[in-house]
Amino acid sequence: MIRNEKKVGSRGGRLVILCGPSCVGKTPLHKSLAKFHPGLSAKLHKLVLVNSRTPRPGEIEGKDYYFRTREQVEKLRSDKRYAVLEVRADLQALNIPELESLLEKGDVLFEGNPGIGRALQTHQQLARVQKLSVLLSPLSKEEITYLQSPERNVSLPDLLTDIMRRKLLRRTTRQKTNLSLPDLEDIEKRASAAYRELQQGWQFDYVIPNHDGEDSDHWEAFYYPIGEARQTLAAFAALLSGSIPSTVEKWERNLVP
């Protein structure tokens, strides 16, 4: 729980919450926004959280996360300036005064786990902050409905786990030549969380279906994004600009039961 005496006022910027399962494409989407929509990207101040996990290849201290030991993050529980949240096997912490300071300058982007995204959406201290919440999903609304038909005989939790497991394996194999047992255990934890995370989709303002996750060549291999990566970038840019493109979805509460 976030505890803080001062409430963030409504005259500041907008909190943009970009969430989705691990490896669904949040990071390449953010990078592509900076590359192809620099004007929009320049208006977003990134919210950097404290994280107990070790950096992935290419991640930078203070830019992607503030990387600390688990013990260091645990100690922040007693500091009222922080909200400490458990995310899968990691601990993450939000610096409330830092968020307040960024909102005074303009829009702020949170990119990450739906659990923390929901905490930002719902906490009483941020009730007066204007928010735009977007969930990236590896499956579309139509695909979920199709797969859940009784005649398909498909377990959606198992299928989603397998989809994200394959994406995470491809991404991690690109980052590391040889995968260790901890790597495989981490992949399994992240993959198995996907179904629970998509269950929260109805609580987000918009859902963008995106099959081109972080394992896809469609983001950078050909300079310009192609395929669904391009469509996802266009949809997110439109939402930031105040438009609602036809490619975004609004999910019903029981879509992912």
C-alpha atoms as a PDB file:
ATOM      1  CA  MET A   1       0.000   0.000   0.000  1.00  0.00           C
ATOM      2  CA  ILE A   2       1.162   3.528  -0.772  1.00  0.00           C
ATOM      3  CA  ARG A   3       1.057   5.824   2.240  1.00  0.00           C
ATOM      4  CA  ASN A   4       1.627   9.515   1.814  1.00  0.00           C
ATOM      5  CA  GLU A   5      -0.015  12.504   3.470  1.00  0.00           C
ATOM      6  CA  LYS A   6       0.014  14.792   0.462  1.00  0.00           C
ATOM      7  CA  LYS A   7      -2.364  14.150  -2.417  1.00  0.00           C
ATOM      8  CA  VAL A   8      -1.205  14.786  -5.958  1.00  0.00           C
ATOM      9  CA  GLY A   9      -3.259  17.591  -7.478  1.00  0.00           C
ATOM     10  CA  SER A  10      -5.162  17.539 -10.757  1.00  0.00           C
ATOM     11  CA  ARG A  11      -3.361  20.466 -12.400  1.00  0.00           C
ATOM     12  CA  GLY A  12      -0.244  18.460 -13.227  1.00  0.00           C
ATOM     13  CA  GLY A  13       0.452  16.215 -16.168  1.00  0.00           C
ATOM     14  CA  ARG A  14      -1.157  12.970 -17.188  1.00  0.00           C
ATOM     15  CA  LEU A  15       0.004   9.568 -15.964  1.00  0.00           C
ATOM     16  CA  VAL A  16       0.313   7.222 -18.969  1.00  0.00           C
ATOM     17  CA  ILE A  17       0.284   3.590 -17.849  1.00  0.00           C
ATOM     18  CA  LEU A  18       1.590   1.087 -20.411  1.00  0.00           C
ATOM     19  CA  CYS A  19       1.349  -2.504 -19.195  1.00  0.00           C
ATOM     20  CA  GLY A  20       1.328  -6.076 -20.389  1.00  0.00           C
ATOM     21  CA  PRO A  21       2.864  -9.497 -19.773  1.00  0.00           C
ATOM     22  CA  SER A  22       6.637  -9.803 -19.839  1.00  0.00           C
ATOM     23  CA  CYS A  23       7.971  -9.833 -23.445  1.00  0.00           C
ATOM     24  CA  VAL A  24       4.679  -8.645 -24.999  1.00  0.00           C
ATOM     25  CA  GLY A  25       6.438  -5.660 -26.623  1.00  0.00           C
ATOM     26  CA  LYS A  26       6.350  -2.744 -24.165  1.00  0.00           C
ATOM     27  CA  THR A  27      10.054  -1.907 -24.391  1.00  0.00           C
ATOM     28  CA  PRO A  28      10.382  -1.910 -28.223  1.00  0.00           C
ATOM     29  CA  LEU A  29       7.146   0.096 -28.420  1.00  0.00           C
ATOM     30  CA  HIS A  30       8.611   2.749 -26.117  1.00  0.00           C
ATOM     31  CA  LYS A  31      11.854   2.825 -28.123  1.00  0.00           C
ATOM     32  CA  SER A  32       9.988   3.068 -31.432  1.00  0.00           C
ATOM     33  CA  LEU A  33       7.891   5.938 -30.106  1.00  0.00           C
ATOM     34  CA  ALA A  34      11.086   7.880 -29.370  1.00  0.00           C
ATOM     35  CA  LYS A  35      12.489   7.061 -32.813  1.00  0.00           C
ATOM     36  CA  PHE A  36       9.469   7.726 -35.016  1.00  0.00           C
ATOM     37  CA  HIS A  37       7.368  10.085 -32.877  1.00  0.00           C
ATOM     38  CA  PRO A  38      10.001  12.184 -31.105  1.00  0.00           C
ATOM     39  CA  GLY A  39       7.553  14.995 -30.435  1.00  0.00           C
ATOM     40  CA  LEU A  40       5.206  12.720 -28.505  1.00  0.00           C
ATOM     41  CA  SER A  41       8.067  10.932 -26.776  1.00  0.00           C
ATOM     42  CA  ALA A  42       9.648  14.197 -25.639  1.00  0.00           C
ATOM     43  CA  LYS A  43       6.480  15.064 -23.724  1.00  0.00           C
ATOM     44  CA  LEU A  44       6.674  11.847 -21.674  1.00  0.00           C
ATOM     45  CA  HIS A  45       8.857  11.759 -18.570  1.00  0.00           C
ATOM     46  CA  LYS A  46       9.655   8.152 -17.741  1.00  0.00           C
ATOM     47  CA  LEU A  47       8.831   6.915 -14.257  1.00  0.00           C
ATOM     48  CA  VAL A  48      11.792   4.865 -13.037  1.00  0.00           C
ATOM     49  CA  LEU A  49      11.116   2.341 -10.279  1.00  0.00           C
ATOM     50  CA  VAL A  50      13.428   0.569  -7.872  1.00  0.00           C
ATOM     51  CA  ASN A  51      13.831  -3.126  -8.772  1.00  0.00           C
ATOM     52  CA  SER A  52      15.348  -6.017  -6.823  1.00  0.00           C
ATOM     53  CA  ARG A  53      16.330  -8.054  -9.887  1.00  0.00           C
ATOM     54  CA  THR A  54      19.653  -7.848 -11.697  1.00  0.00           C
ATOM     55  CA  PRO A  55      19.852  -5.782 -14.908  1.00  0.00           C
ATOM     56  CA  ARG A  56      19.155  -7.477 -18.224  1.00  0.00           C
ATOM     57  CA  PRO A  57      21.659  -6.961 -21.053  1.00  0.00           C
ATOM     58  CA  GLY A  58      21.435  -3.336 -22.203  1.00  0.00           C
ATOM     59  CA  GLU A  59      19.530  -2.040 -19.169  1.00  0.00           C
ATOM     60  CA  ILE A  60      20.968   1.077 -17.560  1.00  0.00           C
ATOM     61  CA  GLU A  61      20.918   2.101 -13.908  1.00  0.00           C
ATOM     62  CA  GLY A  62      18.670   5.117 -13.377  1.00  0.00           C
ATOM     63  CA  LYS A  63      17.215   4.910 -16.894  1.00  0.00           C
ATOM     64  CA  ASP A  64      15.420   1.573 -16.859  1.00  0.00           C
ATOM     65  CA  TYR A  65      15.330   0.931 -13.109  1.00  0.00           C
ATOM     66  CA  TYR A  66      17.200   1.732  -9.945  1.00  0.00           C
ATOM     67  CA  PHE A  67      18.715  -1.691  -9.367  1.00  0.00           C
ATOM     68  CA  ARG A  68      19.093  -2.630  -5.695  1.00  0.00           C
ATOM     69  CA  THR A  69      19.398  -5.810  -3.708  1.00  0.00           C
ATOM     70  CA  ARG A  70      16.249  -7.454  -2.386  1.00  0.00           C
ATOM     71  CA  GLU A  71      17.324  -6.540   1.137  1.00  0.00           C
ATOM     72  CA  GLN A  72      17.653  -2.880   0.174  1.00  0.00           C
ATOM     73  CA  VAL A  73      14.176  -2.830  -1.372  1.00  0.00           C
ATOM     74  CA  GLU A  74      12.706  -4.611   1.659  1.00  0.00           C
ATOM     75  CA  LYS A  75      14.029  -1.823   3.891  1.00  0.00           C
ATOM     76  CA  LEU A  76      12.007   0.725   1.889  1.00  0.00           C
ATOM     77  CA  ARG A  77       8.814  -0.714   3.379  1.00  0.00           C
ATOM     78  CA  SER A  78       9.433   1.433   6.455  1.00  0.00           C
ATOM     79  CA  ASP A  79       9.992   4.582   4.360  1.00  0.00           C
ATOM     80  CA  LYS A  80       6.668   6.388   3.804  1.00  0.00           C
ATOM     81  CA  ARG A  81       8.001   7.957   0.612  1.00  0.00           C
ATOM     82  CA  TYR A  82       7.923   4.552  -1.101  1.00  0.00           C
ATOM     83  CA  ALA A  83       5.387   1.940  -2.087  1.00  0.00           C
ATOM     84  CA  VAL A  84       6.922  -1.547  -2.199  1.00  0.00           C
ATOM     85  CA  LEU A  85       5.138  -4.085  -4.390  1.00  0.00           C
ATOM     86  CA  GLU A  86       5.958  -7.707  -5.127  1.00  0.00           C
ATOM     87  CA  VAL A  87       5.982  -8.478  -8.844  1.00  0.00           C
ATOM     88  CA  ARG A  88       6.378 -12.162  -9.688  1.00  0.00           C
ATOM     89  CA  ALA A  89       9.703 -13.016  -7.992  1.00  0.00           C
ATOM     90  CA  ASP A  90      10.886  -9.408  -7.838  1.00  0.00           C
ATOM     91  CA  LEU A  91      10.297  -6.528  -5.475  1.00  0.00           C
ATOM     92  CA  GLN A  92       9.713  -3.088  -6.965  1.00  0.00           C
ATOM     93  CA  ALA A  93       9.314   0.241  -5.245  1.00  0.00           C
ATOM     94  CA  LEU A  94       7.681   3.492  -6.353  1.00  0.00           C
ATOM     95  CA  ASN A  95       9.074   6.812  -5.142  1.00  0.00           C
ATOM     96  CA  ILE A  96       5.959   8.938  -4.580  1.00  0.00           C
ATOM     97  CA  PRO A  97       7.707  12.352  -4.297  1.00  0.00           C
ATOM     98  CA  GLU A  98       9.581  11.622  -7.540  1.00  0.00           C
ATOM     99  CA  LEU A  99       6.295  10.877  -9.311  1.00  0.00           C
ATOM    100  CA  GLU A 100       4.769  14.091  -7.954  1.00  0.00           C
ATOM    101  CA  SER A 101       7.752  16.104  -9.196  1.00  0.00           C
ATOM    102  CA  LEU A 102       7.535  14.610 -12.687  1.00  0.00           C
ATOM    103  CA  LEU A 103       3.792  15.243 -12.919  1.00  0.00           C
ATOM    104  CA  GLU A 104       4.403  18.919 -12.219  1.00  0.00           C
ATOM    105  CA  LYS A 105       6.549  19.017 -15.379  1.00  0.00           C
ATOM    106  CA  GLY A 106       4.076  17.229 -17.666  1.00  0.00           C
ATOM    107  CA  ASP A 107       3.033  13.725 -18.670  1.00  0.00           C
ATOM    108  CA  VAL A 108       4.682  10.718 -17.023  1.00  0.00           C
ATOM    109  CA  LEU A 109       5.038   7.247 -18.550  1.00  0.00           C
ATOM    110  CA  PHE A 110       4.983   4.070 -16.480  1.00  0.00           C
ATOM    111  CA  GLU A 111       5.960   1.009 -18.493  1.00  0.00           C
ATOM    112  CA  GLY A 112       5.783  -2.353 -16.811  1.00  0.00           C
ATOM    113  CA  ASN A 113       3.801  -4.956 -14.949  1.00  0.00           C
ATOM    114  CA  PRO A 114      -0.025  -4.761 -14.826  1.00  0.00           C
ATOM    115  CA  GLY A 115       0.043  -5.269 -11.058  1.00  0.00           C
ATOM    116  CA  ILE A 116       1.944  -2.046 -10.499  1.00  0.00           C
ATOM    117  CA  GLY A 117      -0.066  -0.408 -13.253  1.00  0.00           C
ATOM    118  CA  ARG A 118      -3.245  -1.201 -11.351  1.00  0.00           C
ATOM    119  CA  ALA A 119      -1.772   0.198  -8.138  1.00  0.00           C
ATOM    120  CA  LEU A 120      -1.062   3.449  -9.957  1.00  0.00           C
ATOM    121  CA  GLN A 121      -4.604   3.478 -11.382  1.00  0.00           C
ATOM    122  CA  THR A 122      -6.400   2.895  -8.129  1.00  0.00           C
ATOM    123  CA  HIS A 123      -4.432   4.381  -5.260  1.00  0.00           C
ATOM    124  CA  GLN A 124      -6.277   7.132  -3.404  1.00  0.00           C
ATOM    125  CA  GLN A 125      -3.271   9.464  -3.366  1.00  0.00           C
ATOM    126  CA  LEU A 126      -3.334   9.537  -7.182  1.00  0.00           C
ATOM    127  CA  ALA A 127      -7.116   9.773  -7.498  1.00  0.00           C
ATOM    128  CA  ARG A 128      -7.049  13.297  -8.944  1.00  0.00           C
ATOM    129  CA  VAL A 129      -4.311  12.562 -11.475  1.00  0.00           C
ATOM    130  CA  GLN A 130      -5.508  12.271 -15.072  1.00  0.00           C
ATOM    131  CA  LYS A 131      -4.583   8.840 -16.391  1.00  0.00           C
ATOM    132  CA  LEU A 132      -4.401   6.978 -19.685  1.00  0.00           C
ATOM    133  CA  SER A 133      -4.040   3.229 -19.135  1.00  0.00           C
ATOM    134  CA  VAL A 134      -3.119   0.876 -21.982  1.00  0.00           C
ATOM    135  CA  LEU A 135      -2.594  -2.876 -21.892  1.00  0.00           C
ATOM    136  CA  LEU A 136      -0.671  -4.737 -24.598  1.00  0.00           C
ATOM    137  CA  SER A 137      -2.033  -8.235 -25.155  1.00  0.00           C
ATOM    138  CA  PRO A 138      -0.495 -11.161 -27.079  1.00  0.00           C
ATOM    139  CA  LEU A 139      -4.032 -12.157 -28.117  1.00  0.00           C
ATOM    140  CA  SER A 140      -6.897 -10.110 -29.490  1.00  0.00           C
ATOM    141  CA  LYS A 141     -10.391 -10.050 -28.077  1.00  0.00           C
ATOM    142  CA  GLU A 142     -11.644 -12.040 -31.078  1.00  0.00           C
ATOM    143  CA  GLU A 143      -8.935 -14.687 -30.631  1.00  0.00           C
ATOM    144  CA  ILE A 144      -9.706 -15.092 -26.930  1.00  0.00           C
ATOM    145  CA  THR A 145     -13.415 -15.533 -27.671  1.00  0.00           C
ATOM    146  CA  TYR A 146     -12.621 -18.014 -30.449  1.00  0.00           C
ATOM    147  CA  LEU A 147     -10.249 -20.084 -28.326  1.00  0.00           C
ATOM    148  CA  GLN A 148     -12.649 -20.254 -25.390  1.00  0.00           C
ATOM    149  CA  SER A 149     -15.461 -21.807 -27.417  1.00  0.00           C
ATOM    150  CA  PRO A 150     -16.204 -25.280 -25.977  1.00  0.00           C
ATOM    151  CA  GLU A 151     -15.620 -27.009 -29.305  1.00  0.00           C
ATOM    152  CA  ARG A 152     -11.986 -25.820 -29.342  1.00  0.00           C
ATOM    153  CA  ASN A 153     -11.180 -27.793 -26.179  1.00  0.00           C
ATOM    154  CA  VAL A 154      -8.394 -25.307 -25.360  1.00  0.00           C
ATOM    155  CA  SER A 155      -7.112 -24.360 -21.920  1.00  0.00           C
ATOM    156  CA  LEU A 156      -6.560 -20.614 -22.268  1.00  0.00           C
ATOM    157  CA  PRO A 157      -4.228 -20.379 -19.231  1.00  0.00           C
ATOM    158  CA  ASP A 158      -2.036 -23.159 -20.613  1.00  0.00           C
ATOM    159  CA  LEU A 159      -2.041 -21.704 -24.116  1.00  0.00           C
ATOM    160  CA  LEU A 160      -1.114 -18.209 -22.898  1.00  0.00           C
ATOM    161  CA  THR A 161       1.675 -19.664 -20.793  1.00  0.00           C
ATOM    162  CA  ASP A 162       3.040 -21.510 -23.819  1.00  0.00           C
ATOM    163  CA  ILE A 163       2.797 -18.427 -26.052  1.00  0.00           C
ATOM    164  CA  MET A 164       4.716 -16.265 -23.593  1.00  0.00           C
ATOM    165  CA  ARG A 165       7.180 -19.060 -22.756  1.00  0.00           C
ATOM    166  CA  ARG A 166       8.174 -19.270 -26.420  1.00  0.00           C
ATOM    167  CA  LYS A 167       8.510 -15.490 -26.707  1.00  0.00           C
ATOM    168  CA  LEU A 168      10.597 -15.283 -23.534  1.00  0.00           C
ATOM    169  CA  LEU A 169      12.821 -18.171 -24.615  1.00  0.00           C
ATOM    170  CA  ARG A 170      13.523 -16.482 -27.953  1.00  0.00           C
ATOM    171  CA  ARG A 171      14.249 -13.137 -26.278  1.00  0.00           C
ATOM    172  CA  THR A 172      16.493 -14.594 -23.596  1.00  0.00           C
ATOM    173  CA  THR A 173      18.368 -16.759 -26.104  1.00  0.00           C
ATOM    174  CA  ARG A 174      19.167 -13.615 -28.081  1.00  0.00           C
ATOM    175  CA  GLN A 175      20.447 -11.912 -24.949  1.00  0.00           C
ATOM    176  CA  LYS A 176      22.439 -14.892 -23.677  1.00  0.00           C
ATOM    177  CA  THR A 177      24.128 -17.713 -25.555  1.00  0.00           C
ATOM    178  CA  ASN A 178      23.520 -20.291 -22.855  1.00  0.00           C
ATOM    179  CA  LEU A 179      20.522 -20.272 -20.556  1.00  0.00           C
ATOM    180  CA  SER A 180      21.038 -21.187 -16.919  1.00  0.00           C
ATOM    181  CA  LEU A 181      18.566 -22.944 -14.633  1.00  0.00           C
ATOM    182  CA  PRO A 182      17.677 -19.593 -12.963  1.00  0.00           C
ATOM    183  CA  ASP A 183      17.018 -18.161 -16.451  1.00  0.00           C
ATOM    184  CA  LEU A 184      14.600 -20.989 -17.226  1.00  0.00           C
ATOM    185  CA  GLU A 185      12.901 -20.664 -13.843  1.00  0.00           C
ATOM    186  CA  ASP A 186      12.459 -16.930 -14.385  1.00  0.00           C
ATOM    187  CA  ILE A 187      10.992 -17.529 -17.844  1.00  0.00           C
ATOM    188  CA  GLU A 188       8.493 -19.997 -16.412  1.00  0.00           C
ATOM    189  CA  LYS A 189       7.394 -17.573 -13.670  1.00  0.00           C
ATOM    190  CA  ARG A 190       6.880 -14.749 -16.151  1.00  0.00           C
ATOM    191  CA  ALA A 191       5.094 -16.955 -18.682  1.00  0.00           C
ATOM    192  CA  SER A 192       2.733 -18.434 -16.113  1.00  0.00           C
ATOM    193  CA  ALA A 193       1.772 -14.937 -14.907  1.00  0.00           C
ATOM    194  CA  ALA A 194       0.398 -13.893 -18.318  1.00  0.00           C
ATOM    195  CA  TYR A 195      -3.108 -15.288 -17.837  1.00  0.00           C
ATOM    196  CA  ARG A 196      -3.573 -13.566 -14.460  1.00  0.00           C
ATOM    197  CA  GLU A 197      -2.282 -10.331 -15.947  1.00  0.00           C
ATOM    198  CA  LEU A 198      -4.695 -10.445 -18.881  1.00  0.00           C
ATOM    199  CA  GLN A 199      -7.545 -10.995 -16.446  1.00  0.00           C
ATOM    200  CA  GLN A 200      -7.011  -7.351 -15.511  1.00  0.00           C
ATOM    201  CA  GLY A 201      -7.444  -6.174 -19.111  1.00  0.00           C
ATOM    202  CA  TRP A 202     -11.003  -4.945 -18.591  1.00  0.00           C
ATOM    203  CA  GLN A 203      -9.729  -2.471 -15.979  1.00  0.00           C
ATOM    204  CA  PHE A 204      -7.565  -0.624 -18.510  1.00  0.00           C
ATOM    205  CA  ASP A 205      -8.879   2.176 -20.697  1.00  0.00           C
ATOM    206  CA  TYR A 206      -7.709   0.447 -23.860  1.00  0.00           C
ATOM    207  CA  VAL A 207      -6.175  -2.845 -24.969  1.00  0.00           C
ATOM    208  CA  ILE A 208      -3.869  -3.045 -27.991  1.00  0.00           C
ATOM    209  CA  PRO A 209      -3.498  -6.585 -29.419  1.00  0.00           C
ATOM    210  CA  ASN A 210       0.116  -7.153 -30.388  1.00  0.00           C
ATOM    211  CA  HIS A 211       1.571 -10.421 -31.649  1.00  0.00           C
ATOM    212  CA  ASP A 212       4.984  -8.851 -32.326  1.00  0.00           C
ATOM    213  CA  GLY A 213       6.558  -9.137 -28.891  1.00  0.00           C
ATOM    214  CA  GLU A 214      10.091  -8.353 -27.838  1.00  0.00           C
ATOM    215  CA  ASP A 215      11.251 -11.527 -29.593  1.00  0.00           C
ATOM    216  CA  SER A 216      10.096 -10.229 -32.998  1.00  0.00           C
ATOM    217  CA  ASP A 217      12.316  -8.849 -35.778  1.00  0.00           C
ATOM    218  CA  HIS A 218       9.486  -6.580 -36.874  1.00  0.00           C
ATOM    219  CA  TRP A 219      10.482  -3.754 -34.537  1.00  0.00           C
ATOM    220  CA  GLU A 220      14.028  -2.990 -35.653  1.00  0.00           C
ATOM    221  CA  ALA A 221      15.420  -5.438 -38.222  1.00  0.00           C
ATOM    222  CA  PHE A 222      14.175  -3.427 -41.203  1.00  0.00           C
ATOM    223  CA  TYR A 223      14.614   0.036 -39.652  1.00  0.00           C
ATOM    224  CA  TYR A 224      10.905   0.821 -39.909  1.00  0.00           C
ATOM    225  CA  PRO A 225       8.504  -1.292 -37.848  1.00  0.00           C
ATOM    226  CA  ILE A 226       6.498  -3.668 -40.002  1.00  0.00           C
ATOM    227  CA  GLY A 227       3.599  -6.026 -39.415  1.00  0.00           C
ATOM    228  CA  GLU A 228       1.712  -5.704 -36.170  1.00  0.00           C
ATOM    229  CA  ALA A 229       4.612  -3.809 -34.580  1.00  0.00           C
ATOM    230  CA  ARG A 230       3.840  -0.905 -36.916  1.00  0.00           C
ATOM    231  CA  GLN A 231       0.124  -1.078 -36.142  1.00  0.00           C
ATOM    232  CA  THR A 232       0.813  -1.166 -32.398  1.00  0.00           C
ATOM    233  CA  LEU A 233       3.076   1.876 -32.621  1.00  0.00           C
ATOM    234  CA  ALA A 234       0.468   3.769 -34.652  1.00  0.00           C
ATOM    235  CA  ALA A 235      -2.282   2.882 -32.177  1.00  0.00           C
ATOM    236  CA  PHE A 236      -0.287   3.969 -29.128  1.00  0.00           C
ATOM    237  CA  ALA A 237       0.784   7.220 -30.799  1.00  0.00           C
ATOM    238  CA  ALA A 238      -2.845   7.949 -31.686  1.00  0.00           C
ATOM    239  CA  LEU A 239      -3.981   7.391 -28.092  1.00  0.00           C
ATOM    240  CA  LEU A 240      -1.277   9.731 -26.812  1.00  0.00           C
ATOM    241  CA  SER A 241      -2.490  12.330 -29.312  1.00  0.00           C
ATOM    242  CA  GLY A 242      -6.097  12.062 -28.135  1.00  0.00           C
ATOM    243  CA  SER A 243      -7.495   9.875 -30.913  1.00  0.00           C
ATOM    244  CA  ILE A 244      -9.023   6.411 -30.557  1.00  0.00           C
ATOM    245  CA  PRO A 245      -7.955   4.233 -33.493  1.00  0.00           C
ATOM    246  CA  SER A 246     -10.100   1.349 -34.687  1.00  0.00           C
ATOM    247  CA  THR A 247      -7.369  -1.154 -33.812  1.00  0.00           C
ATOM    248  CA  VAL A 248      -7.667  -0.683 -30.040  1.00  0.00           C
ATOM    249  CA  GLU A 249     -10.105  -2.693 -27.972  1.00  0.00           C
ATOM    250  CA  LYS A 250     -12.151  -2.310 -24.793  1.00  0.00           C
ATOM    251  CA  TRP A 251     -12.492  -5.606 -22.937  1.00  0.00           C
ATOM    252  CA  GLU A 252     -15.488  -6.775 -20.948  1.00  0.00           C
ATOM    253  CA  ARG A 253     -14.980  -7.910 -17.392  1.00  0.00           C
ATOM    254  CA  ASN A 254     -15.489 -11.613 -18.055  1.00  0.00           C
ATOM    255  CA  LEU A 255     -13.572 -11.859 -21.334  1.00  0.00           C
ATOM    256  CA  VAL A 256     -10.679 -13.596 -19.530  1.00  0.00           C
ATOM    257  CA  PRO A 257     -12.474 -15.393 -16.668  1.00  0.00           C
END
